[in-house]
Structures are given as structure tokens and as C-alpha cells.
Protein backbone atom coordinates (compact mmCIF):
# COMPACT_ATOMS: atom_id res chain seq x y z
CA MET A 1 63.98 169.27 -36.37
CA MET A 2 63.84 169.65 -32.90
CA THR A 3 60.69 169.56 -31.40
CA CYS A 4 60.00 170.70 -27.68
CA SER A 5 60.91 167.18 -26.53
CA ASP A 6 64.22 167.22 -27.61
CA LYS A 7 67.20 166.03 -25.08
CA GLY A 8 69.44 168.51 -26.50
CA TYR A 9 67.55 171.50 -25.28
CA THR A 10 67.92 173.05 -21.25
CA ARG A 11 64.55 173.51 -20.02
CA ILE A 12 64.84 177.13 -20.34
CA ASN A 13 65.13 176.66 -23.88
CA ILE A 14 62.73 173.43 -24.26
CA LEU A 15 59.99 176.39 -22.15
CA SER A 16 60.55 179.96 -24.72
CA THR A 17 60.27 177.45 -27.77
CA CYS A 18 57.25 175.97 -27.18
CA SER A 19 56.07 179.12 -26.00
CA ARG A 20 56.57 181.02 -29.34
CA SER A 21 55.49 177.96 -30.94
CA VAL A 22 51.65 177.83 -29.37
CA GLU A 23 51.68 181.77 -29.48
CA THR A 24 52.26 181.60 -33.19
CA ALA A 25 49.56 178.89 -34.14
CA LYS A 26 46.94 180.70 -31.68
CA HIS A 27 48.25 183.71 -33.76
CA LYS A 28 47.24 181.65 -36.98
CA ARG A 29 44.12 180.01 -35.77
CA ILE A 30 42.95 183.76 -34.76
CA PHE A 31 44.11 185.20 -38.51
CA ILE A 32 42.43 182.69 -40.67
CA SER A 33 39.08 182.82 -38.07
CA LYS A 34 39.26 187.01 -38.77
CA ARG A 35 39.70 186.31 -42.83
CA THR A 36 36.45 183.76 -42.64
CA SER A 37 34.44 185.99 -41.46
CA GLU A 38 35.58 188.62 -44.07
CA LEU A 39 34.93 186.29 -46.45
CA VAL A 40 31.38 185.31 -45.23
CA ALA A 41 30.58 189.37 -44.64
CA LEU A 42 31.88 190.32 -48.07
CA MET A 43 29.92 187.51 -49.38
CA ALA A 44 26.76 188.31 -47.94
CA ILE A 45 27.26 192.16 -49.32
CA SER A 46 27.66 191.20 -52.77
CA SER A 47 24.45 189.19 -52.25
CA THR A 48 22.64 191.88 -50.71
CA LEU A 49 23.37 194.57 -53.57
CA PHE A 50 22.99 191.87 -56.52
CA LEU A 51 19.67 191.58 -55.20
CA PHE A 52 18.75 195.16 -54.89
CA LEU A 53 19.90 195.62 -58.52
CA HIS A 54 18.40 193.33 -59.54
CA THR A 55 15.33 193.74 -57.81
CA ARG A 56 15.48 197.84 -58.72
CA ASP A 57 16.08 196.43 -62.29
CA LEU A 58 13.11 194.32 -62.57
CA HIS A 59 10.82 196.56 -60.98
CA THR A 60 12.18 199.95 -63.99
CA ARG A 61 11.05 197.11 -66.68
CA LEU A 62 8.20 196.44 -65.30
CA ARG A 63 7.16 200.24 -64.67
CA SER A 64 8.25 200.40 -68.60
CA LEU A 65 6.04 198.03 -68.92
CA GLN A 66 3.20 199.68 -67.09
CA SER A 67 3.54 202.92 -68.92
CA ILE A 68 2.70 201.06 -72.24
CA THR A 69 -0.51 199.55 -71.19
CA ASN A 70 -1.31 202.82 -69.63
CA SER A 71 -0.81 204.67 -72.14
CA ALA A 72 -2.66 202.33 -75.00
CA SER A 73 -5.63 201.92 -72.69
CA THR A 74 -5.85 205.63 -72.73
CA SER A 75 -5.49 206.54 -76.09
CA GLY A 76 -7.62 203.19 -77.13
CA ASP A 77 -4.33 202.19 -79.80
CA SER A 78 -5.02 198.41 -78.92
CA THR A 79 -2.31 197.99 -81.99
CA ALA A 80 -0.22 200.21 -81.09
CA MET A 81 -0.09 198.46 -77.49
CA GLU A 82 0.80 195.39 -78.97
CA ASN A 83 3.85 196.89 -81.26
CA ASP A 84 5.11 198.49 -77.91
CA ILE A 85 5.10 195.26 -76.07
CA ASP A 86 6.97 193.25 -78.66
CA ASN A 87 9.49 195.92 -78.84
CA PHE A 88 9.55 195.73 -74.78
CA ILE A 89 10.35 191.99 -75.26
CA GLN A 90 12.96 192.02 -77.65
CA HIS A 91 15.08 194.93 -75.67
CA ASP A 92 14.20 193.58 -72.82
CA GLN A 93 14.76 189.72 -72.85
CA LYS A 94 16.59 189.80 -69.01
CA LEU A 95 12.69 190.17 -67.65
CA GLU A 96 12.30 186.59 -66.46
CA ALA A 97 9.30 185.25 -66.74
CA TYR A 98 7.18 184.29 -63.80
CA SER A 99 4.18 182.06 -62.98
CA LEU A 100 0.85 184.03 -63.76
CA ASN A 101 -1.39 181.54 -64.38
CA ASN A 102 -3.96 180.00 -61.61
CA THR A 103 -4.73 176.90 -63.51
CA GLY A 104 -2.34 174.70 -61.48
CA HIS A 105 -4.65 176.05 -58.42
CA ALA A 106 -7.88 174.24 -59.23
CA LYS A 107 -8.72 170.69 -57.94
CA LYS A 108 -11.04 170.03 -60.55
CA GLU A 109 -10.83 170.20 -64.56
CA LEU A 110 -14.28 172.56 -64.71
CA ILE A 111 -13.80 176.08 -66.53
CA PHE A 112 -16.24 178.40 -64.50
CA PHE A 113 -17.19 181.30 -66.72
CA ASN A 114 -19.22 183.99 -64.68
CA ARG A 115 -19.14 185.86 -67.38
CA VAL A 116 -20.43 190.08 -68.15
CA PRO A 117 -22.01 191.26 -70.14
CA LYS A 118 -20.97 192.96 -73.19
CA VAL A 119 -17.58 192.27 -73.05
CA GLY A 120 -17.69 189.66 -75.84
CA SER A 121 -18.75 186.96 -74.14
CA GLN A 122 -21.08 185.89 -76.66
CA THR A 123 -18.47 184.85 -79.15
CA PHE A 124 -15.84 183.26 -76.85
CA MET A 125 -19.36 181.42 -75.58
CA GLU A 126 -19.39 180.05 -79.00
CA ILE A 127 -15.54 179.76 -79.50
CA LEU A 128 -15.99 177.49 -76.02
CA ARG A 129 -19.04 175.62 -77.49
CA LEU A 130 -17.13 174.66 -81.12
CA LEU A 131 -14.12 173.84 -78.98
CA SER A 132 -16.03 171.36 -76.92
CA LEU A 133 -16.64 169.06 -79.92
CA ARG A 134 -12.81 169.60 -80.74
CA ASN A 135 -11.27 168.84 -77.43
CA GLN A 136 -13.82 166.84 -76.42
CA PHE A 137 -15.04 168.24 -72.77
CA VAL A 138 -18.78 168.99 -71.75
CA PHE A 139 -20.22 172.35 -72.21
CA TYR A 140 -23.07 173.49 -69.64
CA GLN A 141 -24.51 177.05 -69.93
CA ASP A 142 -27.04 178.09 -67.46
CA HIS A 143 -30.55 178.81 -69.30
CA VAL A 144 -32.54 181.93 -69.46
CA GLN A 145 -33.57 183.83 -66.91
CA ARG A 146 -36.54 186.35 -66.76
CA VAL A 147 -34.38 188.57 -64.33
CA GLU A 148 -30.69 187.62 -64.20
CA THR A 149 -29.29 188.28 -60.57
CA ILE A 150 -25.66 188.28 -60.74
CA ARG A 151 -25.49 188.92 -56.50
CA LEU A 152 -26.67 185.87 -54.85
CA ALA A 153 -27.34 185.35 -50.91
CA GLU A 154 -25.05 182.76 -49.72
CA THR A 155 -27.57 179.54 -49.73
CA GLU A 156 -27.91 180.71 -53.08
CA GLN A 157 -23.90 180.20 -53.85
CA LEU A 158 -23.82 176.98 -51.97
CA ARG A 159 -26.90 175.87 -54.34
CA VAL A 160 -24.07 177.20 -57.35
CA ALA A 161 -21.52 175.70 -56.27
CA SER A 162 -22.65 172.32 -55.63
CA MET A 163 -24.78 171.93 -58.52
CA VAL A 164 -21.37 172.91 -60.66
CA SER A 165 -19.05 170.49 -58.84
CA LYS A 166 -21.05 167.58 -59.87
CA TYR A 167 -20.56 168.08 -63.13
CA ASP A 168 -18.71 165.73 -65.52
CA THR A 169 -15.11 166.66 -65.88
CA PRO A 170 -13.63 168.60 -67.98
CA SER A 171 -16.11 170.22 -68.53
CA VAL A 172 -17.01 174.09 -68.53
CA PHE A 173 -19.86 175.84 -66.96
CA ILE A 174 -21.33 179.40 -67.98
CA LYS A 175 -23.59 182.22 -66.42
CA HIS A 176 -23.60 186.05 -65.69
CA ILE A 177 -22.55 185.44 -62.08
CA SER A 178 -20.52 187.29 -59.24
CA PHE A 179 -17.34 185.72 -58.41
CA VAL A 180 -18.06 182.84 -56.25
CA ASN A 181 -15.76 181.66 -53.61
CA PHE A 182 -16.21 177.25 -54.15
CA THR A 183 -13.29 176.52 -51.57
CA LYS A 184 -15.30 178.84 -48.82
CA PHE A 185 -18.15 175.76 -49.75
CA TYR A 186 -15.01 173.36 -49.34
CA LEU A 187 -16.01 172.21 -52.41
CA PRO A 188 -13.13 171.92 -55.57
CA GLU A 189 -12.00 174.81 -56.92
CA PRO A 190 -12.73 175.02 -60.25
CA ILE A 191 -10.80 177.32 -63.14
CA TYR A 192 -11.81 180.82 -62.66
CA ILE A 193 -12.16 182.66 -65.95
CA ASN A 194 -13.55 186.02 -67.91
CA LEU A 195 -13.18 189.08 -70.19
CA VAL A 196 -13.39 192.70 -69.35
CA ARG A 197 -13.70 195.50 -72.26
CA ASP A 198 -13.37 199.39 -71.56
CA PRO A 199 -15.96 200.06 -69.27
CA VAL A 200 -17.47 203.25 -71.21
CA GLU A 201 -17.90 201.52 -74.44
CA ARG A 202 -19.08 198.68 -72.68
CA VAL A 203 -21.78 200.72 -71.35
CA ILE A 204 -22.77 202.53 -74.14
CA SER A 205 -22.72 198.86 -75.96
CA TRP A 206 -25.24 198.13 -72.87
CA TYR A 207 -27.59 200.98 -73.54
CA TYR A 208 -28.21 200.28 -76.95
CA TYR A 209 -28.36 196.08 -76.66
CA ILE A 210 -31.63 196.60 -74.43
CA ARG A 211 -32.38 198.77 -77.07
CA ALA A 212 -32.15 196.33 -79.93
CA PRO A 213 -35.40 195.19 -81.29
CA TRP A 214 -34.00 192.21 -81.92
CA TYR A 215 -33.52 191.86 -77.94
CA TYR A 216 -37.15 192.28 -77.24
CA VAL A 217 -37.85 189.73 -79.77
CA GLU A 218 -35.91 186.81 -77.64
CA ARG A 219 -36.99 188.43 -74.58
CA LYS A 220 -40.84 187.73 -75.89
CA HIS A 221 -40.19 184.49 -77.16
CA ALA A 222 -38.63 183.39 -73.81
CA PHE A 223 -41.27 184.98 -72.27
CA PRO A 224 -44.58 185.63 -73.81
CA ASP A 225 -45.84 187.84 -71.07
CA THR A 226 -42.97 190.78 -71.31
CA PRO A 227 -43.92 193.93 -71.70
CA LEU A 228 -43.43 195.87 -74.31
CA PRO A 229 -41.44 199.19 -73.35
CA ASP A 230 -42.36 202.86 -74.15
CA PRO A 231 -41.55 204.09 -77.56
CA ASN A 232 -39.89 206.82 -75.81
CA TRP A 233 -37.28 205.12 -74.31
CA LEU A 234 -36.65 203.02 -77.09
CA LYS A 235 -35.21 206.26 -78.90
CA LYS A 236 -34.06 207.87 -76.62
CA ASP A 237 -29.98 208.41 -77.84
CA PHE A 238 -27.15 208.04 -74.90
CA GLU A 239 -25.46 210.99 -75.46
CA THR A 240 -29.38 213.16 -75.00
CA CYS A 241 -29.63 210.48 -71.61
CA VAL A 242 -25.87 211.42 -70.14
CA LEU A 243 -26.34 215.22 -71.16
CA ARG A 244 -29.93 215.38 -69.94
CA GLY A 245 -28.86 213.69 -66.69
CA ASP A 246 -31.29 210.83 -66.29
CA ARG A 247 -31.25 207.96 -63.72
CA GLU A 248 -29.94 205.26 -66.52
CA CYS A 249 -27.23 207.35 -67.29
CA ARG A 250 -26.39 209.11 -63.94
CA TYR A 251 -23.03 207.37 -62.49
CA THR A 252 -22.89 208.09 -59.19
CA GLN A 253 -19.59 207.82 -56.53
CA GLY A 254 -20.86 205.60 -54.49
CA GLU A 255 -24.94 204.66 -55.55
CA LYS A 256 -26.18 200.95 -54.93
CA ARG A 257 -28.15 199.01 -57.46
CA GLU A 258 -28.86 195.39 -57.70
CA GLY A 259 -29.63 192.96 -60.14
CA ILE A 260 -28.41 193.24 -63.63
CA SER A 261 -30.08 196.34 -64.50
CA ASP A 262 -26.75 197.66 -62.43
CA HIS A 263 -24.30 196.31 -65.69
CA ARG A 264 -21.93 199.77 -64.97
CA ARG A 265 -19.45 197.40 -62.61
CA GLN A 266 -17.10 194.91 -64.19
CA THR A 267 -15.49 194.89 -61.02
CA MET A 268 -18.53 193.20 -59.53
CA PHE A 269 -18.37 190.02 -61.06
CA PHE A 270 -14.53 189.71 -59.62
CA CYS A 271 -15.19 191.25 -56.22
CA GLY A 272 -18.11 189.13 -55.20
CA HIS A 273 -21.52 188.91 -53.30
CA ASP A 274 -20.77 191.06 -50.49
CA GLU A 275 -22.51 194.26 -49.18
CA GLU A 276 -18.79 195.99 -49.83
CA CYS A 277 -18.66 195.27 -53.69
CA THR A 278 -22.18 196.93 -54.45
CA PRO A 279 -21.20 200.95 -54.01
CA PHE A 280 -20.33 202.23 -57.58
CA ASN A 281 -16.78 202.79 -58.39
CA SER A 282 -15.79 202.56 -55.10
CA GLU A 283 -11.95 201.63 -53.72
CA GLY A 284 -13.33 198.83 -51.47
CA ALA A 285 -14.47 196.83 -54.46
CA LEU A 286 -11.81 198.00 -56.63
CA GLU A 287 -9.68 196.24 -54.22
CA ARG A 288 -11.48 193.03 -53.86
CA ALA A 289 -12.14 192.17 -57.27
CA LYS A 290 -8.12 193.14 -58.30
CA ARG A 291 -6.91 190.37 -55.65
CA SER A 292 -9.71 188.29 -56.91
CA VAL A 293 -7.81 188.91 -60.36
CA GLU A 294 -4.36 187.96 -58.79
CA GLN A 295 -5.17 185.01 -56.78
CA GLN A 296 -8.03 183.15 -58.32
CA TYR A 297 -8.51 183.70 -62.38
CA ALA A 298 -6.15 181.89 -64.16
CA VAL A 299 -7.05 184.40 -67.41
CA VAL A 300 -8.77 187.27 -67.99
CA GLY A 301 -9.24 188.33 -71.32
CA VAL A 302 -9.88 191.92 -73.15
CA LEU A 303 -11.88 192.56 -76.00
CA GLU A 304 -9.98 194.94 -77.17
CA ASP A 305 -7.17 193.02 -77.67
CA PHE A 306 -8.65 189.73 -78.47
CA ASN A 307 -5.82 188.37 -80.47
CA VAL A 308 -3.51 188.52 -77.51
CA THR A 309 -6.58 186.66 -75.67
CA LEU A 310 -6.85 183.76 -77.11
CA THR A 311 -3.14 183.41 -77.18
CA VAL A 312 -2.97 183.66 -73.05
CA PHE A 313 -6.15 181.62 -72.93
CA GLU A 314 -4.43 179.13 -75.89
CA HIS A 315 -1.10 178.40 -73.68
CA TYR A 316 -2.33 178.64 -70.27
CA ILE A 317 -4.96 176.69 -70.59
CA PRO A 318 -4.70 174.11 -73.43
CA ARG A 319 -7.04 171.28 -72.00
CA PHE A 320 -9.74 173.57 -72.97
CA PHE A 321 -8.54 176.00 -75.77
CA LYS A 322 -5.84 174.59 -77.85
CA GLY A 323 -7.18 175.44 -81.35
CA ALA A 324 -8.75 178.85 -80.33
CA SER A 325 -7.65 181.33 -82.88
CA GLN A 326 -8.21 178.58 -85.62
CA VAL A 327 -11.76 178.02 -84.37
CA TYR A 328 -12.46 181.90 -84.10
CA TYR A 329 -11.06 183.03 -87.55
CA GLY A 330 -12.48 179.94 -89.06
CA ASP A 331 -14.93 179.15 -91.89
CA MET A 332 -17.54 180.30 -88.78
CA GLY A 333 -16.41 183.63 -89.04
CA LEU A 334 -16.90 184.15 -85.36
CA HIS A 335 -15.22 187.28 -85.71
CA LYS A 336 -17.24 188.47 -87.48
CA VAL A 337 -20.71 188.56 -85.73
CA ASN A 338 -22.37 189.91 -82.52
CA HIS A 339 -22.15 193.37 -84.32
CA ASN A 340 -25.15 195.93 -83.60
CA ALA A 341 -26.15 197.91 -86.12
CA PHE A 342 -28.55 199.53 -84.17
CA LYS A 343 -25.71 201.25 -82.24
CA PRO A 344 -24.66 204.67 -83.63
CA LEU A 345 -21.61 206.40 -82.85
CA VAL A 346 -20.99 208.67 -79.46
CA SER A 347 -18.96 211.26 -79.07
CA GLU A 348 -15.87 212.16 -77.30
CA ALA A 349 -16.94 214.79 -75.12
CA VAL A 350 -19.63 212.50 -73.93
CA LYS A 351 -17.36 209.85 -73.80
CA ASP A 352 -15.38 212.12 -71.56
CA ILE A 353 -17.82 213.24 -69.22
CA VAL A 354 -18.99 209.51 -68.75
CA ARG A 355 -15.08 208.37 -67.72
CA LYS A 356 -14.50 211.19 -65.27
CA ASN A 357 -17.63 208.86 -63.21
CA PHE A 358 -15.23 205.60 -64.44
CA THR A 359 -12.11 206.09 -62.45
CA ARG A 360 -11.86 203.21 -60.26
CA GLU A 361 -13.32 201.24 -63.18
CA ILE A 362 -11.41 202.20 -65.55
CA GLU A 363 -8.04 201.27 -63.03
CA PHE A 364 -9.37 197.98 -62.66
CA TYR A 365 -9.35 197.19 -66.68
CA GLN A 366 -6.54 198.93 -67.28
CA PHE A 367 -5.20 196.11 -64.58
CA CYS A 368 -6.48 193.29 -66.03
CA ARG A 369 -5.49 194.70 -69.09
CA GLN A 370 -1.31 194.79 -67.88
CA ARG A 371 -1.76 191.35 -66.43
CA LEU A 372 -3.04 189.48 -69.69
CA TYR A 373 0.22 191.21 -71.42
CA ARG A 374 2.16 190.22 -68.39
CA GLN A 375 0.78 186.77 -69.26
CA ARG A 376 1.96 186.69 -73.18
CA LEU A 377 5.38 188.44 -71.63
CA ALA A 378 6.05 185.33 -69.37
CA LEU A 379 5.37 182.66 -72.88
CA ASN A 380 7.95 184.86 -74.29
CA LEU A 381 6.49 184.42 -77.69
């Protein structure tokens, strides 16, 4: 093959041939460069389209799951909800399992159970006590107090957090108290857990709990100088209280009450101790409570879905909850205890009156319930 330096070429031929060779090489480089750019652009467009379709598909499936839980929350049919979720899982195996467990964020093997009253926490506490023997951890429960204050000043929050941080590990600490942010005081973060319940059913339960005879027997035993309440107050039923508009059954938007007497707000136990958390059924308290659950709590169980609750606890915090279902359904018969025989049925008409004032509390309850089912879904059982 002849080259530009071959002797057989004249000067003109050499220049002409070399010029064509350079032009051809330049054209090839331009062509190759252009093809590469087109390929990169095509790959970028394909990736963007794939991510869009995947995200849209995922969003659709999550909305489907949300509609299932919303529907069941409204109807109160937990069994139907669980069956719908099972069907959803079987027909939607492509839904990826996301990390919904905050247990790994904890800096100590210590559970902080700031239990909400009347959500099955008494039974749950007994499960933990029995599991402490089985799974070898220390069980701490705060002593009964004459006045249970759930919202504390910052100095008191620090005192509680410092006290709990000194406990031996692994251990569990249980107390009626609003969420305490340990990291705010530069203390190691514990494993936060709690339970919730349908908010209307919960206030009805509380209403009759503080009127039950054995409640005052326990209070008298702990605090002998506790005065007995007015018999007329004891005899008053919930429906009469609501329909008459008595103060304890008025659930007024934005109203503030302090202490354990303001049993109405589940959100208070998750929102924290700030002033913004105090107004009843407020948007601010709702959003802060949601954020706290999402970012801080390993698991928030639901009384109406106790089987799902135990399953999620067993898998997300196995160090403490291994064997929880066996304990609950075992010889101790815990699944049959803590029933108030003095609580009569309340009509749906009266419940509907109350529900109108519990809109954000109900939204928070549904939020926790949906999160619990997403946690179960992520297990792919």
C-alpha cells in the first residue's frame, strides 16, 4: 500500500492524497463523537423514563395500600383489612421492601416505652415483663404517681433522660410521658416504641376506666387520703355526658388542658413537650407527632391489629420481642385479660358526634396503622 511518503507520487499527488486522508480521518472522528453523544443521550433518556415509570408504579401501589387501610380504619374491620393486605401482597410482589425500622438508630440496647393510656399498654407491659425473663433483659417500670404529668419542663426531661441512660442494658423503661428527645441532651438514643388505638374508642375506654370500682380501690391503696368522687359523677354514662355537652365530654378544637386529665390526645405522647403540642386536635401537633413516629420510633403498634403488631415487634426488635406471640397466647392467657366489665356499649350515633371533633387524632391513628402495615409488608411474610 502506498503512503504519502512513497517515491512514486508527484508532489501534487502527495498533497492531494494526504489532504483526502486527513479529511477522512477528521470526518470519522466527528462521526464517532456524534454517535457517542447520541448513545449517552439515549441512555439518559431511557434511565429517566424507567425511573419515572417505576416511581409512578410504586406510588400507585402505595396509594392502593393506603386506600385499604383507610377503608378498614373507617369501618373498624381489622380482619377484613388484614385479608385485603394479604391479597395486596400476593398480587403485588414487585413492591420493594423499604427500611422502615429505626431500631438501628439507637445507641443503646434500651427500649423507651412512653406508653399511651388505654391502648392495651397494660397487657403489652405484662408481655414485656415475661419476655424479660425469657430473653434476659432488665425490666424497669416507673412507680405509680398521685398526679401523672406527661408534659414536663426541660429540666425534668433531662432528669428522666439522664436517669434512664444510666440503666443497665439490655433493658426496658416504661412510663406515661410525652416523647423525650435524648439526643437533645447529648445522651445516647434509646429504642422508642409505643401503641395507639382508635381515638374515639380510646376516650370511651378512659371514661369508664376512671369510673370503675377497682380503679378507686387501687388509688386508695396507693394513696389512702384520696377523696372519693361524687356518686352522681360515677353513675353518669358517656352518651349522657356527650349529649349534654358536659365539659369532660366536650372536645373543642384548640382547647388546652394539662396533665394526665387530658387523656384525649394520643398525638401528645408523640409530639413532645413543647407548647405547640398542647392544643387539642391541632394541625401542628399532628404533623410533629407524625414526624416523630417516622423518624424516631422503631415500631408503633395498633391495638385493633394486635397480631400484626406482635409480628412486627418480633421481627424488628427480636432481641427483646422474640417469642412475644407465644407469651401472649400462652398459658398465662394474656389475650383474655384487662377487660372492663363496667363499660357499656355506646351507640354509633354518639360515636359519630365525637368523631367530628377528632379529625386529626383519627388521621394520626390511620397514619400509624398504615405505617405498621407497611412494616409488615416489608417483611414479605
